[in-house]
Amino acid sequence: MSGSWIGRRLVAIAGSAAIMMLAGAICATAEEAHGIEITGDAVTTGTMTPDELSQLPAVEQEVRYRTSKGEESGRYKGPLLWSVLEARGIADLPGHNAQLKHSFIVEGRDGYRIVFSVGEIDPDFGNAPIQLATERDGKAMVPGEGYRLVVPGDKRGARHIRDVVKIEVR
């Protein structure tokens, strides 16, 4: 093998590595900064940005639940899901208790979806403190976990959704 062939090969490998590192950095930045798509006929649709979410009142809750791997616990901080939907107009629907006719689906980046009724989180009815957590134990959610749906009071963690990317109101 000639030295020039090895040199070209090393340059190609180094170039490929640089491109992969740059692509990884871009993906990590996009994932950390993603917003949440809000859709449906009962709300103002669009992407709720991280800045918009940070403007909503945050609550802190100590939450425990079982998983297939044992018990999990943590202190979660972030806005209540009611505050997120209220910011998009769910409380302003015309008609007596109109919000009770609606449900919403929360979806994670992996496609995992859970359905709730709006009445569960409405402060005048169920008042469940379902939360869109932005922090756990005083630290921002780790990359890849994104915003986490937290359902205090559930014995099992099946309705806790990692990396929430969409809320669809029906």
C-alpha atoms as a PDB file:
ATOM      1  CA  MET A   1       0.000   0.000   0.000  1.00  0.00           C
ATOM      2  CA  SER A   2       1.288   3.407  -0.809  1.00  0.00           C
ATOM      3  CA  GLY A   3       1.564   6.188   1.726  1.00  0.00           C
ATOM      4  CA  SER A   4      -0.691   8.473  -0.321  1.00  0.00           C
ATOM      5  CA  TRP A   5      -3.497   5.893  -0.270  1.00  0.00           C
ATOM      6  CA  ILE A   6      -3.274   5.610   3.532  1.00  0.00           C
ATOM      7  CA  GLY A   7      -3.180   9.404   3.830  1.00  0.00           C
ATOM      8  CA  ARG A   8      -6.309   9.789   1.694  1.00  0.00           C
ATOM      9  CA  ARG A   9      -8.032   7.086   3.744  1.00  0.00           C
ATOM     10  CA  LEU A  10      -7.206   8.859   7.033  1.00  0.00           C
ATOM     11  CA  VAL A  11      -8.469  12.180   5.652  1.00  0.00           C
ATOM     12  CA  ALA A  12     -11.732  10.477   4.581  1.00  0.00           C
ATOM     13  CA  ILE A  13     -12.175   8.881   8.020  1.00  0.00           C
ATOM     14  CA  ALA A  14     -11.459  12.163   9.827  1.00  0.00           C
ATOM     15  CA  GLY A  15     -13.872  14.016   7.547  1.00  0.00           C
ATOM     16  CA  SER A  16     -16.605  11.435   8.170  1.00  0.00           C
ATOM     17  CA  ALA A  17     -16.055  11.669  11.932  1.00  0.00           C
ATOM     18  CA  ALA A  18     -16.312  15.474  11.835  1.00  0.00           C
ATOM     19  CA  ILE A  19     -19.562  15.322   9.866  1.00  0.00           C
ATOM     20  CA  MET A  20     -21.036  12.780  12.323  1.00  0.00           C
ATOM     21  CA  MET A  21     -20.053  14.936  15.313  1.00  0.00           C
ATOM     22  CA  LEU A  22     -21.609  18.031  13.716  1.00  0.00           C
ATOM     23  CA  ALA A  23     -24.821  16.136  12.895  1.00  0.00           C
ATOM     24  CA  GLY A  24     -24.993  14.829  16.471  1.00  0.00           C
ATOM     25  CA  ALA A  25     -24.574  18.332  17.889  1.00  0.00           C
ATOM     26  CA  ILE A  26     -27.316  19.688  15.627  1.00  0.00           C
ATOM     27  CA  CYS A  27     -29.694  16.845  16.604  1.00  0.00           C
ATOM     28  CA  ALA A  28     -28.965  17.295  20.326  1.00  0.00           C
ATOM     29  CA  THR A  29     -29.603  21.047  20.091  1.00  0.00           C
ATOM     30  CA  ALA A  30     -32.864  20.516  18.189  1.00  0.00           C
ATOM     31  CA  GLU A  31     -34.034  17.896  20.696  1.00  0.00           C
ATOM     32  CA  GLU A  32     -33.237  20.075  23.692  1.00  0.00           C
ATOM     33  CA  ALA A  33     -35.065  23.063  22.194  1.00  0.00           C
ATOM     34  CA  HIS A  34     -38.136  21.365  20.748  1.00  0.00           C
ATOM     35  CA  GLY A  35     -41.568  22.671  21.498  1.00  0.00           C
ATOM     36  CA  ILE A  36     -44.824  20.785  21.839  1.00  0.00           C
ATOM     37  CA  GLU A  37     -47.308  20.641  18.988  1.00  0.00           C
ATOM     38  CA  ILE A  38     -50.817  21.538  20.182  1.00  0.00           C
ATOM     39  CA  THR A  39     -53.640  20.528  17.827  1.00  0.00           C
ATOM     40  CA  GLY A  40     -57.427  20.240  17.861  1.00  0.00           C
ATOM     41  CA  ASP A  41     -60.596  22.153  17.195  1.00  0.00           C
ATOM     42  CA  ALA A  42     -61.057  23.293  20.815  1.00  0.00           C
ATOM     43  CA  VAL A  43     -57.729  25.104  21.172  1.00  0.00           C
ATOM     44  CA  THR A  44     -55.458  27.530  19.361  1.00  0.00           C
ATOM     45  CA  THR A  45     -53.177  25.221  17.410  1.00  0.00           C
ATOM     46  CA  GLY A  46     -49.450  25.533  16.848  1.00  0.00           C
ATOM     47  CA  THR A  47     -46.192  24.737  18.572  1.00  0.00           C
ATOM     48  CA  MET A  48     -45.815  25.819  22.176  1.00  0.00           C
ATOM     49  CA  THR A  49     -42.183  26.838  22.450  1.00  0.00           C
ATOM     50  CA  PRO A  50     -39.885  26.285  25.428  1.00  0.00           C
ATOM     51  CA  ASP A  51     -40.080  30.054  26.089  1.00  0.00           C
ATOM     52  CA  GLU A  52     -43.899  29.936  26.183  1.00  0.00           C
ATOM     53  CA  LEU A  53     -43.822  26.960  28.534  1.00  0.00           C
ATOM     54  CA  SER A  54     -41.378  28.738  30.849  1.00  0.00           C
ATOM     55  CA  GLN A  55     -43.827  31.664  31.162  1.00  0.00           C
ATOM     56  CA  LEU A  56     -46.553  29.419  32.633  1.00  0.00           C
ATOM     57  CA  PRO A  57     -46.766  29.048  36.421  1.00  0.00           C
ATOM     58  CA  ALA A  58     -44.670  26.076  37.555  1.00  0.00           C
ATOM     59  CA  VAL A  59     -45.521  23.710  40.399  1.00  0.00           C
ATOM     60  CA  GLU A  60     -43.285  21.251  42.216  1.00  0.00           C
ATOM     61  CA  GLN A  61     -44.577  17.823  43.169  1.00  0.00           C
ATOM     62  CA  GLU A  62     -43.047  14.800  44.867  1.00  0.00           C
ATOM     63  CA  VAL A  63     -44.205  11.766  42.889  1.00  0.00           C
ATOM     64  CA  ARG A  64     -43.834   7.998  43.486  1.00  0.00           C
ATOM     65  CA  TYR A  65     -44.935   5.200  41.190  1.00  0.00           C
ATOM     66  CA  ARG A  66     -44.138   1.604  40.312  1.00  0.00           C
ATOM     67  CA  THR A  67     -42.538   0.499  37.067  1.00  0.00           C
ATOM     68  CA  SER A  68     -41.581  -2.914  35.715  1.00  0.00           C
ATOM     69  CA  LYS A  69     -38.095  -2.179  37.102  1.00  0.00           C
ATOM     70  CA  GLY A  70     -39.206  -1.215  40.622  1.00  0.00           C
ATOM     71  CA  GLU A  71     -40.299   1.960  42.384  1.00  0.00           C
ATOM     72  CA  GLU A  72     -39.462   5.372  40.929  1.00  0.00           C
ATOM     73  CA  SER A  73     -39.685   8.683  42.717  1.00  0.00           C
ATOM     74  CA  GLY A  74     -38.699  12.239  42.068  1.00  0.00           C
ATOM     75  CA  ARG A  75     -39.473  15.886  42.647  1.00  0.00           C
ATOM     76  CA  TYR A  76     -40.864  17.232  39.379  1.00  0.00           C
ATOM     77  CA  LYS A  77     -41.247  20.873  38.397  1.00  0.00           C
ATOM     78  CA  GLY A  78     -43.165  22.389  35.480  1.00  0.00           C
ATOM     79  CA  PRO A  79     -46.573  23.736  34.486  1.00  0.00           C
ATOM     80  CA  LEU A  80     -49.795  21.870  35.073  1.00  0.00           C
ATOM     81  CA  LEU A  81     -51.323  20.498  31.901  1.00  0.00           C
ATOM     82  CA  TRP A  82     -54.414  22.595  32.621  1.00  0.00           C
ATOM     83  CA  SER A  83     -52.252  25.747  32.411  1.00  0.00           C
ATOM     84  CA  VAL A  84     -50.854  24.599  29.053  1.00  0.00           C
ATOM     85  CA  LEU A  85     -54.332  24.001  27.591  1.00  0.00           C
ATOM     86  CA  GLU A  86     -55.761  27.118  29.238  1.00  0.00           C
ATOM     87  CA  ALA A  87     -53.049  29.183  27.529  1.00  0.00           C
ATOM     88  CA  ARG A  88     -54.372  27.742  24.256  1.00  0.00           C
ATOM     89  CA  GLY A  89     -58.018  28.631  24.990  1.00  0.00           C
ATOM     90  CA  ILE A  90     -59.613  25.466  26.429  1.00  0.00           C
ATOM     91  CA  ALA A  91     -61.297  27.446  29.241  1.00  0.00           C
ATOM     92  CA  ASP A  92     -62.826  29.941  26.789  1.00  0.00           C
ATOM     93  CA  LEU A  93     -65.084  27.524  24.909  1.00  0.00           C
ATOM     94  CA  PRO A  94     -68.661  28.756  24.450  1.00  0.00           C
ATOM     95  CA  GLY A  95     -71.476  26.902  26.194  1.00  0.00           C
ATOM     96  CA  HIS A  96     -72.160  25.541  29.655  1.00  0.00           C
ATOM     97  CA  ASN A  97     -69.258  23.279  30.759  1.00  0.00           C
ATOM     98  CA  ALA A  98     -68.199  22.924  27.112  1.00  0.00           C
ATOM     99  CA  GLN A  99     -64.710  21.746  28.077  1.00  0.00           C
ATOM    100  CA  LEU A 100     -66.235  18.575  29.588  1.00  0.00           C
ATOM    101  CA  LYS A 101     -67.119  17.369  26.095  1.00  0.00           C
ATOM    102  CA  HIS A 102     -63.440  17.147  25.177  1.00  0.00           C
ATOM    103  CA  SER A 103     -60.575  14.756  25.658  1.00  0.00           C
ATOM    104  CA  PHE A 104     -56.906  15.080  24.830  1.00  0.00           C
ATOM    105  CA  ILE A 105     -54.198  12.708  23.728  1.00  0.00           C
ATOM    106  CA  VAL A 106     -50.627  13.200  24.906  1.00  0.00           C
ATOM    107  CA  GLU A 107     -47.993  11.664  22.646  1.00  0.00           C
ATOM    108  CA  GLY A 108     -44.302  10.965  23.177  1.00  0.00           C
ATOM    109  CA  ARG A 109     -41.619  11.051  20.504  1.00  0.00           C
ATOM    110  CA  ASP A 110     -41.682   7.221  20.432  1.00  0.00           C
ATOM    111  CA  GLY A 111     -45.395   7.231  19.491  1.00  0.00           C
ATOM    112  CA  TYR A 112     -46.629   6.204  22.968  1.00  0.00           C
ATOM    113  CA  ARG A 113     -50.038   7.841  23.539  1.00  0.00           C
ATOM    114  CA  ILE A 114     -52.398   8.226  26.497  1.00  0.00           C
ATOM    115  CA  VAL A 115     -55.937   9.688  26.476  1.00  0.00           C
ATOM    116  CA  PHE A 116     -57.360  11.880  29.257  1.00  0.00           C
ATOM    117  CA  SER A 117     -60.614  13.806  29.633  1.00  0.00           C
ATOM    118  CA  VAL A 118     -60.377  17.568  30.023  1.00  0.00           C
ATOM    119  CA  GLY A 119     -62.671  17.223  33.064  1.00  0.00           C
ATOM    120  CA  GLU A 120     -59.914  15.278  34.871  1.00  0.00           C
ATOM    121  CA  ILE A 121     -57.625  18.325  34.928  1.00  0.00           C
ATOM    122  CA  ASP A 122     -60.172  21.175  34.998  1.00  0.00           C
ATOM    123  CA  PRO A 123     -59.837  22.917  38.406  1.00  0.00           C
ATOM    124  CA  ASP A 124     -63.652  23.098  38.686  1.00  0.00           C
ATOM    125  CA  PHE A 125     -64.024  19.319  38.299  1.00  0.00           C
ATOM    126  CA  GLY A 126     -61.324  16.622  38.702  1.00  0.00           C
ATOM    127  CA  ASN A 127     -58.521  19.110  39.391  1.00  0.00           C
ATOM    128  CA  ALA A 128     -55.893  16.382  38.883  1.00  0.00           C
ATOM    129  CA  PRO A 129     -52.437  17.985  39.043  1.00  0.00           C
ATOM    130  CA  ILE A 130     -51.195  16.318  35.845  1.00  0.00           C
ATOM    131  CA  GLN A 131     -47.976  18.076  34.996  1.00  0.00           C
ATOM    132  CA  LEU A 132     -45.693  18.710  32.063  1.00  0.00           C
ATOM    133  CA  ALA A 133     -42.379  18.431  33.882  1.00  0.00           C
ATOM    134  CA  THR A 134     -39.383  20.410  32.708  1.00  0.00           C
ATOM    135  CA  GLU A 135     -37.179  19.466  35.696  1.00  0.00           C
ATOM    136  CA  ARG A 136     -36.623  16.445  37.920  1.00  0.00           C
ATOM    137  CA  ASP A 137     -34.873  16.709  41.274  1.00  0.00           C
ATOM    138  CA  GLY A 138     -33.749  20.265  40.509  1.00  0.00           C
ATOM    139  CA  LYS A 139     -32.171  19.444  37.137  1.00  0.00           C
ATOM    140  CA  ALA A 140     -33.488  20.039  33.628  1.00  0.00           C
ATOM    141  CA  MET A 141     -34.835  16.873  32.041  1.00  0.00           C
ATOM    142  CA  VAL A 142     -31.995  14.958  30.415  1.00  0.00           C
ATOM    143  CA  PRO A 143     -31.582  15.045  26.619  1.00  0.00           C
ATOM    144  CA  GLY A 144     -33.681  12.314  25.058  1.00  0.00           C
ATOM    145  CA  GLU A 145     -36.233  12.464  27.852  1.00  0.00           C
ATOM    146  CA  GLY A 146     -37.568  15.908  26.934  1.00  0.00           C
ATOM    147  CA  TYR A 147     -40.682  17.153  28.679  1.00  0.00           C
ATOM    148  CA  ARG A 148     -42.241  14.446  30.823  1.00  0.00           C
ATOM    149  CA  LEU A 149     -45.925  14.006  31.540  1.00  0.00           C
ATOM    150  CA  VAL A 150     -46.292  13.273  35.260  1.00  0.00           C
ATOM    151  CA  VAL A 151     -49.531  11.873  36.729  1.00  0.00           C
ATOM    152  CA  PRO A 152     -49.370  12.169  40.537  1.00  0.00           C
ATOM    153  CA  GLY A 153     -51.503   9.650  42.388  1.00  0.00           C
ATOM    154  CA  ASP A 154     -51.164   6.883  39.795  1.00  0.00           C
ATOM    155  CA  LYS A 155     -49.825   3.736  41.428  1.00  0.00           C
ATOM    156  CA  ARG A 156     -48.159   2.631  38.185  1.00  0.00           C
ATOM    157  CA  GLY A 157     -46.112   4.857  35.892  1.00  0.00           C
ATOM    158  CA  ALA A 158     -47.792   3.762  32.645  1.00  0.00           C
ATOM    159  CA  ARG A 159     -49.364   7.193  32.094  1.00  0.00           C
ATOM    160  CA  HIS A 160     -46.062   9.009  32.638  1.00  0.00           C
ATOM    161  CA  ILE A 161     -44.850   9.840  29.128  1.00  0.00           C
ATOM    162  CA  ARG A 162     -41.248  10.697  28.303  1.00  0.00           C
ATOM    163  CA  ASP A 163     -40.333  13.221  25.647  1.00  0.00           C
ATOM    164  CA  VAL A 164     -43.792  14.695  25.034  1.00  0.00           C
ATOM    165  CA  VAL A 165     -44.030  16.139  21.520  1.00  0.00           C
ATOM    166  CA  LYS A 166     -47.776  16.534  20.892  1.00  0.00           C
ATOM    167  CA  ILE A 167     -51.069  17.219  22.653  1.00  0.00           C
ATOM    168  CA  GLU A 168     -54.195  16.720  20.552  1.00  0.00           C
ATOM    169  CA  VAL A 169     -57.494  18.022  21.920  1.00  0.00           C
ATOM    170  CA  ARG A 170     -60.653  16.369  20.614  1.00  0.00           C
END
